Protein backbone atom coordinates (compact mmCIF):
# COMPACT_ATOMS: atom_id res chain seq x y z
CA MET A 1 -25.84 66.17 -55.87
CA GLU A 2 -26.62 62.48 -55.33
CA ALA A 3 -22.91 61.67 -55.62
CA ASP A 4 -22.12 64.23 -52.91
CA PHE A 5 -24.86 62.79 -50.70
CA PHE A 6 -23.57 59.22 -51.11
CA GLN A 7 -19.96 60.30 -50.52
CA THR A 8 -20.92 62.18 -47.35
CA MET A 9 -22.98 59.31 -45.92
CA VAL A 10 -20.22 56.77 -46.64
CA LEU A 11 -17.69 59.02 -44.88
CA THR A 12 -20.06 59.46 -41.93
CA PHE A 13 -20.50 55.75 -41.32
CA LYS A 14 -16.83 55.06 -42.05
CA LEU A 15 -15.89 57.52 -39.29
CA ALA A 16 -18.40 55.97 -36.90
CA SER A 17 -17.20 52.42 -37.68
CA VAL A 18 -13.49 53.19 -37.27
CA THR A 19 -14.13 55.16 -34.08
CA THR A 20 -16.28 52.40 -32.60
CA LEU A 21 -13.67 49.72 -33.36
CA ILE A 22 -10.93 51.76 -31.68
CA LEU A 23 -13.18 52.45 -28.71
CA LEU A 24 -13.86 48.74 -28.29
CA LEU A 25 -10.14 47.99 -28.21
CA ILE A 26 -9.38 50.63 -25.57
CA GLY A 27 -12.76 50.74 -23.85
CA ILE A 28 -12.82 47.17 -22.54
CA PRO A 29 -9.48 47.31 -20.64
CA LEU A 30 -10.24 50.84 -19.44
CA ALA A 31 -13.68 49.78 -18.20
CA ALA A 32 -12.12 46.77 -16.44
CA TYR A 33 -9.61 49.06 -14.74
CA LEU A 34 -12.37 51.38 -13.55
CA ALA A 35 -14.57 48.48 -12.42
CA TYR A 36 -11.92 46.53 -10.52
CA GLY A 37 -8.98 48.86 -10.02
CA THR A 38 -8.07 50.16 -6.57
CA VAL A 39 -5.35 52.58 -7.65
CA ARG A 40 -5.12 55.88 -5.77
CA PHE A 41 -5.86 58.10 -8.77
CA LYS A 42 -8.75 56.05 -10.11
CA SER A 43 -11.20 58.90 -9.46
CA VAL A 44 -9.08 61.19 -11.62
CA VAL A 45 -9.25 58.71 -14.51
CA GLU A 46 -13.02 58.38 -14.05
CA THR A 47 -13.37 62.16 -14.16
CA ILE A 48 -11.33 62.46 -17.35
CA VAL A 49 -13.32 59.69 -19.06
CA SER A 50 -16.63 61.29 -18.07
CA MET A 51 -15.77 64.89 -18.98
CA PRO A 52 -17.10 64.69 -22.57
CA LEU A 53 -20.56 64.12 -21.09
CA VAL A 54 -20.65 67.67 -19.70
CA LEU A 55 -17.91 69.46 -21.64
CA PRO A 56 -19.10 71.52 -24.64
CA PRO A 57 -17.88 69.82 -27.85
CA SER A 58 -16.41 73.10 -29.09
CA VAL A 59 -14.09 73.22 -26.06
CA LEU A 60 -12.56 69.82 -26.82
CA GLY A 61 -12.48 70.64 -30.53
CA PHE A 62 -10.73 73.95 -29.89
CA TYR A 63 -7.96 72.43 -27.78
CA LEU A 64 -7.48 69.58 -30.23
CA LEU A 65 -7.20 72.12 -33.03
CA LEU A 66 -4.53 73.97 -31.06
CA ALA A 67 -2.70 70.72 -30.34
CA PHE A 68 -2.75 69.69 -34.01
CA SER A 69 -1.65 73.14 -35.21
CA PRO A 70 1.98 73.51 -36.41
CA ALA A 71 2.27 76.35 -33.87
CA SER A 72 2.19 73.82 -30.99
CA ALA A 73 5.03 71.49 -30.01
CA LEU A 74 2.96 68.41 -30.86
CA GLY A 75 1.73 69.89 -34.12
CA GLU A 76 5.24 70.91 -35.13
CA PHE A 77 6.53 67.40 -34.40
CA LEU A 78 3.72 65.83 -36.42
CA THR A 79 4.31 68.21 -39.32
CA GLU A 80 8.00 67.27 -39.37
CA GLN A 81 6.94 63.62 -39.60
CA GLY A 82 4.62 64.42 -42.51
CA ILE A 83 1.48 63.85 -40.44
CA ARG A 84 -1.46 66.26 -40.72
CA LEU A 85 -4.28 65.85 -38.22
CA ALA A 86 -6.04 69.20 -38.41
CA PHE A 87 -8.73 69.19 -41.13
CA SER A 88 -8.14 65.52 -41.94
CA PHE A 89 -10.05 62.27 -41.49
CA GLU A 90 -7.43 61.00 -39.04
CA GLY A 91 -7.98 64.07 -36.89
CA LEU A 92 -11.72 63.41 -36.91
CA VAL A 93 -11.10 59.87 -35.67
CA ILE A 94 -8.98 61.09 -32.74
CA GLY A 95 -11.54 63.73 -31.79
CA SER A 96 -14.42 61.26 -32.09
CA VAL A 97 -12.64 58.64 -29.99
CA LEU A 98 -12.05 61.14 -27.19
CA PHE A 99 -15.56 62.58 -27.30
CA SER A 100 -17.40 59.24 -27.52
CA LEU A 101 -15.21 57.46 -24.96
CA PRO A 102 -17.67 57.56 -22.03
CA PHE A 103 -20.47 56.17 -24.20
CA MET A 104 -18.40 53.02 -24.68
CA VAL A 105 -16.75 52.78 -21.27
CA HIS A 106 -19.69 53.42 -18.93
CA PRO A 107 -22.02 50.61 -20.13
CA ILE A 108 -19.16 48.11 -20.09
CA GLN A 109 -17.95 49.31 -16.68
CA SER A 110 -21.46 48.98 -15.28
CA ALA A 111 -21.82 45.46 -16.68
CA LEU A 112 -18.41 44.38 -15.35
CA SER A 113 -19.25 45.71 -11.90
CA GLY A 114 -22.20 43.32 -11.81
CA VAL A 115 -20.08 40.20 -12.38
CA PRO A 116 -19.61 38.38 -9.04
CA ARG A 117 -16.07 37.95 -7.76
CA SER A 118 -16.80 34.25 -7.39
CA VAL A 119 -16.78 33.94 -11.19
CA PHE A 120 -13.16 35.06 -11.31
CA GLU A 121 -12.17 32.89 -8.35
CA ALA A 122 -13.77 29.80 -9.90
CA SER A 123 -11.99 30.42 -13.20
CA TYR A 124 -8.62 30.93 -11.48
CA THR A 125 -9.19 27.75 -9.46
CA LEU A 126 -9.59 25.85 -12.75
CA GLY A 127 -6.20 27.13 -13.85
CA LYS A 128 -7.38 29.83 -16.24
CA SER A 129 -5.26 32.96 -16.66
CA LYS A 130 -6.59 36.48 -16.13
CA LEU A 131 -6.69 37.08 -19.88
CA THR A 132 -8.51 33.82 -20.58
CA THR A 133 -10.95 34.50 -17.75
CA MET A 134 -11.76 37.93 -19.13
CA THR A 135 -12.08 36.91 -22.80
CA ARG A 136 -13.67 33.46 -22.44
CA VAL A 137 -15.76 33.83 -19.29
CA VAL A 138 -16.49 37.44 -18.36
CA LEU A 139 -16.99 39.13 -21.74
CA PRO A 140 -19.67 36.63 -22.86
CA MET A 141 -21.47 37.31 -19.59
CA ILE A 142 -21.62 41.06 -20.27
CA ARG A 143 -22.70 40.81 -23.89
CA SER A 144 -25.56 43.27 -23.40
CA GLY A 145 -23.16 45.84 -21.95
CA LEU A 146 -20.78 45.40 -24.86
CA ILE A 147 -23.61 45.78 -27.37
CA SER A 148 -24.99 48.85 -25.61
CA GLY A 149 -21.58 50.52 -25.48
CA THR A 150 -20.89 49.73 -29.12
CA VAL A 151 -24.22 51.07 -30.33
CA LEU A 152 -24.14 54.19 -28.16
CA ALA A 153 -20.60 55.02 -29.29
CA PHE A 154 -21.50 54.45 -32.95
CA ALA A 155 -24.69 56.51 -32.77
CA HIS A 156 -23.01 59.30 -30.84
CA THR A 157 -20.22 59.52 -33.42
CA VAL A 158 -22.73 59.60 -36.28
CA GLY A 159 -24.48 62.58 -34.71
CA GLU A 160 -21.42 64.49 -33.50
CA PHE A 161 -21.14 68.07 -34.74
CA GLY A 162 -19.11 70.43 -32.55
CA VAL A 163 -15.82 68.55 -32.37
CA ILE A 164 -16.03 67.61 -36.05
CA LEU A 165 -16.62 71.20 -37.13
CA MET A 166 -13.75 72.56 -35.02
CA ILE A 167 -11.02 70.15 -36.11
CA GLY A 168 -12.32 69.01 -39.49
CA GLY A 169 -14.18 71.86 -41.10
CA ASN A 170 -16.21 71.07 -44.19
CA ILE A 171 -13.96 69.43 -46.78
CA PRO A 172 -15.95 67.23 -49.22
CA GLY A 173 -14.73 63.64 -49.30
CA GLU A 174 -12.42 64.12 -46.29
CA THR A 175 -14.14 65.79 -43.33
CA ARG A 176 -17.67 66.63 -44.55
CA VAL A 177 -19.88 64.24 -42.60
CA ALA A 178 -23.68 64.26 -42.48
CA SER A 179 -24.04 66.50 -39.41
CA ILE A 180 -21.86 69.16 -41.05
CA ALA A 181 -23.70 68.74 -44.35
CA ILE A 182 -27.06 69.37 -42.65
CA TYR A 183 -25.76 72.60 -41.12
CA ASP A 184 -24.25 73.66 -44.44
CA GLU A 185 -27.44 72.95 -46.40
CA VAL A 186 -29.61 74.82 -43.89
CA GLU A 187 -27.30 77.83 -44.11
CA SER A 188 -27.73 77.69 -47.89
CA LEU A 189 -31.53 77.45 -47.43
CA ASN A 190 -31.46 74.10 -49.21
CA TYR A 191 -33.95 72.48 -46.85
CA ALA A 192 -34.77 69.61 -49.20
CA MET A 193 -31.18 68.36 -49.13
CA ALA A 194 -30.89 68.97 -45.39
CA HIS A 195 -34.04 66.91 -44.93
CA GLN A 196 -32.55 64.08 -46.99
CA TYR A 197 -29.46 63.94 -44.77
CA ALA A 198 -31.46 64.30 -41.55
CA LEU A 199 -34.05 61.70 -42.46
CA THR A 200 -31.36 59.20 -43.44
CA LEU A 201 -29.55 59.64 -40.13
CA PHE A 202 -32.83 59.39 -38.23
CA ALA A 203 -33.87 56.20 -40.01
CA VAL A 204 -30.51 54.46 -39.70
CA THR A 205 -29.93 55.28 -36.04
CA PHE A 206 -33.52 54.37 -35.13
CA ALA A 207 -33.20 51.01 -36.91
CA ILE A 208 -29.89 50.23 -35.19
CA LEU A 209 -31.18 51.10 -31.72
CA LEU A 210 -34.42 49.18 -32.25
CA LEU A 211 -32.51 46.10 -33.38
CA VAL A 212 -30.14 46.23 -30.41
CA TYR A 213 -32.85 46.71 -27.81
CA THR A 214 -34.87 43.90 -29.37
CA LEU A 215 -31.88 41.52 -29.35
CA ASN A 216 -30.99 42.47 -25.77
CA LYS A 217 -34.56 41.87 -24.64
CA LYS A 218 -34.60 38.44 -26.26
CA SER A 219 -31.20 37.63 -24.77
CA LEU A 220 -32.35 38.54 -21.26
CA GLY A 221 -35.54 36.61 -21.79
CA GLY A 222 -33.56 33.54 -22.79
CA ILE A 223 -31.45 33.79 -19.64
CA ARG A 224 -34.53 33.87 -17.46
């Protein structure tokens, strides 16, 4: 039983870590586009990014399951390439990235919107490129936004249930994460084991959030 518990917790935090890393890579440019872009269909992109905040997880999970199924055009193509996303760890990553996207993008977008235009103009005047300006000047200025987005995305992925259940099921060592394990143990009336999973998630997420808020507070205090 302890081996199953350890395996499930490792898989849970592995999923959260991989998802958060991917979200950082795509979240920063997407947030910059939403903060500074003036494209005609920007509102459509903002709506799509924000939908997971109000959309039931089972809805997204259901449509992802259909998309990954061999009965769909995408699923058939993936199957022909030897790729299986339904009921696999890779499928969980895709679902988690989509469902946790606004938790990464919104804090970074908000922080970027607060950076004065004069910062960019001064950097360009000194001969810095757009990429250098963003990576060397702007991103250090929005460190608190980056940290908040990273932590929120990580914590949200750790606690996700609906999407994970729909596209991953409950396969030990592959898709059985802590949130699914808690549900499974409660259904089996094994409250002691469910409590062990729940308490571990509670303690870890509380510690992470407390550390981040403490560091952000000190950082802001140092700036003042």
